[in-house]
Protein backbone atom coordinates (compact mmCIF):
# COMPACT_ATOMS: atom_id res chain seq x y z
CA MET A 1 19.95 222.84 63.30
CA ALA A 2 18.25 220.76 66.00
CA GLY A 3 20.19 217.85 67.38
CA LYS A 4 23.68 219.39 66.83
CA ASN A 5 26.05 219.30 69.79
CA ILE A 6 26.90 222.91 70.31
CA ALA A 7 30.05 221.98 72.15
CA GLU A 8 31.39 220.79 68.81
CA PRO A 9 31.32 223.71 66.30
CA CYS A 10 30.05 222.88 62.81
CA VAL A 11 32.77 225.12 61.43
CA GLN A 12 36.03 226.43 62.90
CA TRP A 13 38.68 228.73 61.64
CA GLN A 14 42.13 229.88 62.39
CA VAL A 15 44.65 232.35 60.94
CA LEU A 16 47.41 230.48 59.18
CA GLN A 17 50.64 232.04 60.45
CA GLY A 18 53.89 232.45 58.41
CA MET A 19 52.20 232.35 55.03
CA SER A 20 54.24 233.66 52.06
CA ILE A 21 52.07 235.45 49.46
CA ALA A 22 53.08 237.18 46.26
CA SER A 23 50.77 239.14 43.85
CA VAL A 24 51.82 238.47 40.28
CA ARG A 25 50.51 240.67 37.53
CA ARG A 26 51.05 240.29 33.79
CA MET A 27 50.04 242.16 30.67
CA ALA A 28 48.33 240.67 27.66
CA GLY A 29 50.81 238.70 25.54
CA ASP A 30 53.24 238.29 28.42
CA ARG A 31 55.72 235.42 28.19
CA ASP A 32 58.22 236.48 30.95
CA VAL A 33 55.93 235.64 33.87
CA LEU A 34 54.88 232.35 32.35
CA GLU A 35 58.50 231.35 31.77
CA ILE A 36 59.70 232.39 35.25
CA LEU A 37 56.76 230.48 36.85
CA LYS A 38 57.60 227.44 34.85
CA ASN A 39 61.30 227.57 35.83
CA LEU A 40 60.26 227.76 39.48
CA GLY A 41 57.95 224.72 39.06
CA MET A 42 54.71 226.68 38.97
CA ARG A 43 52.05 227.31 36.38
CA TRP A 44 49.74 230.26 35.69
CA PRO A 45 45.97 229.30 36.16
CA GLU A 46 44.51 228.56 32.79
CA SER A 47 41.05 230.01 33.33
CA THR A 48 38.72 231.72 35.79
CA GLY A 49 38.51 230.02 39.10
CA ASN A 50 41.54 227.74 38.55
CA ALA A 51 44.31 227.05 41.06
CA ARG A 52 47.57 225.40 40.23
CA GLY A 53 49.92 223.45 42.46
CA ASP A 54 50.01 222.43 46.15
CA ASP A 55 52.69 224.46 47.98
CA PRO A 56 52.98 226.98 46.54
CA VAL A 57 49.55 227.27 45.05
CA VAL A 58 48.87 229.76 42.31
CA LEU A 59 45.40 231.22 42.65
CA TRP A 60 43.53 232.96 39.89
CA LYS A 61 42.41 236.43 40.94
CA ARG A 62 41.63 238.06 37.59
CA PRO A 63 42.84 237.57 34.03
CA SER A 64 45.96 239.72 34.69
CA GLU A 65 46.65 238.72 38.28
CA ALA A 66 47.30 235.63 40.36
CA LEU A 67 48.32 235.13 43.99
CA VAL A 68 51.13 232.66 44.79
CA VAL A 69 50.54 231.31 48.27
CA SER A 70 52.75 229.13 50.32
CA LYS A 71 52.67 227.80 53.91
CA GLN A 72 56.47 228.21 53.98
CA ALA A 73 57.63 231.65 55.07
CA GLY A 74 59.70 233.28 52.40
CA ARG A 75 58.86 230.69 49.73
CA THR A 76 57.77 233.39 47.20
CA GLY A 77 60.98 235.41 47.64
CA GLU A 78 62.74 234.12 44.57
CA LEU A 79 59.70 234.85 42.38
CA VAL A 80 59.45 238.38 43.75
CA ALA A 81 63.17 238.89 43.10
CA LEU A 82 62.99 237.62 39.53
CA LEU A 83 59.91 239.89 38.80
CA GLU A 84 60.76 242.98 40.76
CA ALA A 85 59.78 246.24 39.26
CA GLY A 86 61.67 246.98 36.04
CA ARG A 87 62.97 243.44 35.43
CA SER A 88 60.21 242.45 33.02
CA PRO A 89 58.50 244.73 30.53
CA SER A 90 55.21 242.79 30.93
CA GLY A 91 55.07 241.53 34.56
CA ILE A 92 55.69 242.18 38.14
CA ALA A 93 55.49 240.31 41.40
CA LEU A 94 55.10 241.93 44.79
CA ASP A 95 55.39 240.46 48.27
CA VAL A 96 51.99 240.94 49.92
CA SER A 97 52.51 238.59 52.83
CA GLU A 98 52.07 241.45 55.31
CA GLN A 99 48.98 242.82 53.63
CA ILE A 100 46.92 239.57 53.24
CA THR A 101 45.80 237.15 55.87
CA VAL A 102 44.69 233.57 55.23
CA LEU A 103 41.90 232.20 57.34
CA GLU A 104 41.52 228.42 57.12
CA VAL A 105 37.90 227.40 57.69
CA ARG A 106 37.02 223.68 58.13
CA GLY A 107 34.23 221.52 59.37
CA PRO A 108 31.63 218.90 58.51
CA ALA A 109 28.96 221.54 57.95
CA LEU A 110 31.19 223.76 55.82
CA ASN A 111 28.94 223.76 52.72
CA GLU A 112 25.76 224.56 54.75
CA TRP A 113 27.59 227.40 56.58
CA LEU A 114 29.14 228.80 53.41
CA ALA A 115 25.67 228.85 51.78
CA GLN A 116 24.55 231.07 54.58
CA VAL A 117 27.39 233.68 54.14
CA VAL A 118 28.23 233.67 50.47
CA ASP A 119 26.24 233.68 47.26
CA THR A 120 26.04 230.08 46.11
CA TYR A 121 27.61 231.03 42.84
CA SER A 122 30.64 232.04 44.81
CA LEU A 123 31.21 228.62 46.30
CA PRO A 124 34.28 227.10 44.63
CA GLN A 125 34.56 223.38 43.95
CA ARG A 126 37.54 221.42 45.31
CA GLY A 127 40.72 222.91 43.84
CA GLY A 128 38.91 226.06 42.75
CA VAL A 129 39.08 229.69 43.75
CA THR A 130 36.60 232.54 43.51
CA ASN A 131 36.24 236.21 44.33
CA ALA A 132 33.44 236.90 46.75
CA ARG A 133 32.04 239.36 49.29
CA LEU A 134 31.80 238.48 52.97
CA ALA A 135 30.51 241.09 55.45
CA GLU A 136 30.58 243.55 52.49
CA ILE A 137 34.34 243.16 51.97
CA HIS A 138 36.18 241.54 49.08
CA VAL A 139 37.76 238.18 49.80
CA LEU A 140 39.22 235.41 47.72
CA ILE A 141 38.03 231.87 48.59
CA PHE A 142 40.14 228.82 47.80
CA ARG A 143 38.96 225.30 48.39
CA PRO A 144 41.88 222.85 48.68
CA GLU A 145 39.70 220.06 50.12
CA ASP A 146 35.95 219.36 50.40
CA GLU A 147 35.75 220.27 54.12
CA ARG A 148 38.35 223.07 54.10
CA VAL A 149 38.59 226.51 52.53
CA TRP A 150 41.03 229.35 52.71
CA ILE A 151 39.65 232.87 52.93
CA LEU A 152 42.20 235.46 51.81
CA VAL A 153 41.42 238.93 53.19
CA GLU A 154 43.18 242.25 53.73
CA ARG A 155 45.03 242.06 57.05
CA THR A 156 43.39 245.27 58.33
CA LEU A 157 39.98 243.65 58.08
CA VAL A 158 40.65 240.37 59.87
CA SER A 159 39.29 241.32 63.30
CA TYR A 160 36.04 242.64 61.69
CA LEU A 161 35.71 239.54 59.51
CA ASP A 162 36.43 237.25 62.47
CA ALA A 163 33.61 238.84 64.55
CA TRP A 164 31.26 238.73 61.59
CA LEU A 165 32.01 235.04 60.94
CA CYS A 166 31.42 234.14 64.66
CA HIS A 167 28.07 235.84 64.50
CA THR A 168 26.97 234.13 61.28
CA ARG A 169 28.09 230.75 62.56
CA ASP A 170 26.20 231.25 65.82
CA VAL A 171 23.07 232.44 64.06
CA ALA A 172 23.21 229.78 61.33
CA PHE A 173 23.66 226.93 63.81
CA SER A 174 21.78 228.51 66.80
CA VAL A 175 24.75 228.42 69.16
CA GLY A 176 23.70 230.34 72.20
CA VAL A 177 23.14 233.71 70.55
CA VAL A 178 22.21 236.47 72.94
CA GLN A 179 19.39 238.62 71.57
């Protein structure tokens, strides 16, 4: 991209620290999970690619699973306690805060950069979420704002994904790549 000031990256990212994340699973016909979420001021996403709420936000992952994500450490604890194994015949919530990392990516060229690294069908609209593959690994992409996305990835793969993202940013925007 000629004319870009390479001292100002077109996209930047950081690991969001202290995130509280719960995986919530429910069986067909479940009412327990829906009722517990409602009592906690949350709602299950209605359809593919939906997200509900601000903090915490409930992200659709698949028809039977959603991730509840909060910037407040421990915020999902009550949900996990209410839906611990054996408490509901049709649902469960597990604390996955130590297994999943959230990368926040932002910048004025976010759409252009994302189009270089993800299939364009995998680009969520504002407030949407999608399953995607980056660097041949599964990620969940949530778009809370037009110029900001969260990439949720397994914690063990963060270093690899970070290196891959740096490379793709540098190649896509010709930022001093050494051949």
